[in-house]
Amino acid sequence: MAMRRPAFDEGAIAPHLAFLDELRDSGHLEMTGGFSDKSGGAYVLVNLDSLEQARAIAARDPLATLGTSGLTVYEWNTR
């Protein structure tokens, strides 16, 4: 989950979307979308070996590397 920080930079959106495209192309992105209130968004990673791998991927997200959003990784147990 990515939550925008008060000093969110709109310039981070294009690199973030390119990052998500790369994840999709590599078979690791199931779905993604922004929250309707513009506070942030979320994406679902798949086909990973561990929670640590998911955290490492999120740490490479331009939203995180540019410091414009806080990213938190959760393990989601679906039914």
Protein backbone atom coordinates (compact mmCIF):
# COMPACT_ATOMS: atom_id res chain seq x y z
CA MET A 1 0.00 0.00 0.00
CA ALA A 2 1.36 3.43 -0.93
CA MET A 3 0.20 6.46 1.03
CA ARG A 4 1.08 9.94 -0.19
CA ARG A 5 3.14 12.12 2.08
CA PRO A 6 2.19 15.80 2.59
CA ALA A 7 4.90 16.90 0.14
CA PHE A 8 3.79 14.44 -2.58
CA ASP A 9 5.45 15.18 -5.93
CA GLU A 10 3.25 14.55 -8.99
CA GLY A 11 6.49 14.01 -10.95
CA ALA A 12 6.81 10.61 -9.27
CA ILE A 13 3.70 9.25 -10.97
CA ALA A 14 5.18 8.56 -14.42
CA PRO A 15 8.22 6.62 -13.09
CA HIS A 16 5.92 4.74 -10.68
CA LEU A 17 3.62 3.71 -13.54
CA ALA A 18 6.63 2.56 -15.60
CA PHE A 19 7.78 0.53 -12.58
CA LEU A 20 4.35 -1.11 -12.35
CA ASP A 21 4.46 -1.90 -16.08
CA GLU A 22 7.79 -3.67 -15.56
CA LEU A 23 6.31 -5.68 -12.69
CA ARG A 24 3.33 -6.67 -14.85
CA ASP A 25 5.61 -7.68 -17.72
CA SER A 26 7.68 -9.85 -15.36
CA GLY A 27 4.55 -11.63 -14.09
CA HIS A 28 4.71 -10.17 -10.58
CA LEU A 29 1.81 -7.69 -10.67
CA GLU A 30 -1.78 -8.92 -10.33
CA MET A 31 -3.65 -5.63 -9.94
CA THR A 32 -3.11 -2.00 -9.07
CA GLY A 33 -5.11 1.15 -8.52
CA GLY A 34 -5.34 4.48 -6.79
CA PHE A 35 -7.72 5.37 -3.97
CA SER A 36 -10.62 7.61 -5.00
CA ASP A 37 -9.69 10.23 -2.38
CA LYS A 38 -6.20 10.60 -3.95
CA SER A 39 -4.51 9.64 -0.65
CA GLY A 40 -2.53 6.84 -2.28
CA GLY A 41 -3.08 3.44 -3.80
CA ALA A 42 -2.24 -0.23 -3.65
CA TYR A 43 -0.94 -3.04 -5.77
CA VAL A 44 -0.93 -6.80 -5.43
CA LEU A 45 2.29 -8.69 -6.09
CA VAL A 46 2.19 -12.37 -7.09
CA ASN A 47 4.55 -15.21 -7.95
CA LEU A 48 7.13 -14.28 -5.32
CA ASP A 49 9.17 -16.52 -3.05
CA SER A 50 8.79 -14.56 0.17
CA LEU A 51 7.49 -11.52 1.98
CA GLU A 52 11.07 -10.23 2.01
CA GLN A 53 11.12 -10.35 -1.80
CA ALA A 54 7.91 -8.30 -1.87
CA ARG A 55 9.46 -5.76 0.49
CA ALA A 56 12.58 -5.54 -1.68
CA ILE A 57 10.42 -4.87 -4.75
CA ALA A 58 8.42 -2.17 -2.96
CA ALA A 59 11.66 -0.53 -1.83
CA ARG A 60 12.58 -0.07 -5.53
CA ASP A 61 9.28 1.67 -6.34
CA PRO A 62 9.99 5.28 -7.38
CA LEU A 63 7.34 6.43 -4.89
CA ALA A 64 9.62 5.04 -2.17
CA THR A 65 13.00 5.94 -3.66
CA LEU A 66 11.90 9.53 -4.29
CA GLY A 67 10.45 9.72 -0.78
CA THR A 68 7.10 11.02 -1.98
CA SER A 69 5.00 8.20 -0.51
CA GLY A 70 5.28 5.72 2.32
CA LEU A 71 5.01 2.11 1.17
CA THR A 72 3.90 -0.67 3.47
CA VAL A 73 3.87 -4.34 2.45
CA TYR A 74 1.26 -6.71 3.84
CA GLU A 75 0.89 -10.42 3.29
CA TRP A 76 -2.69 -10.91 2.18
CA ASN A 77 -4.35 -14.25 2.86
CA THR A 78 -7.20 -14.55 0.40
CA ARG A 79 -10.00 -17.09 0.21
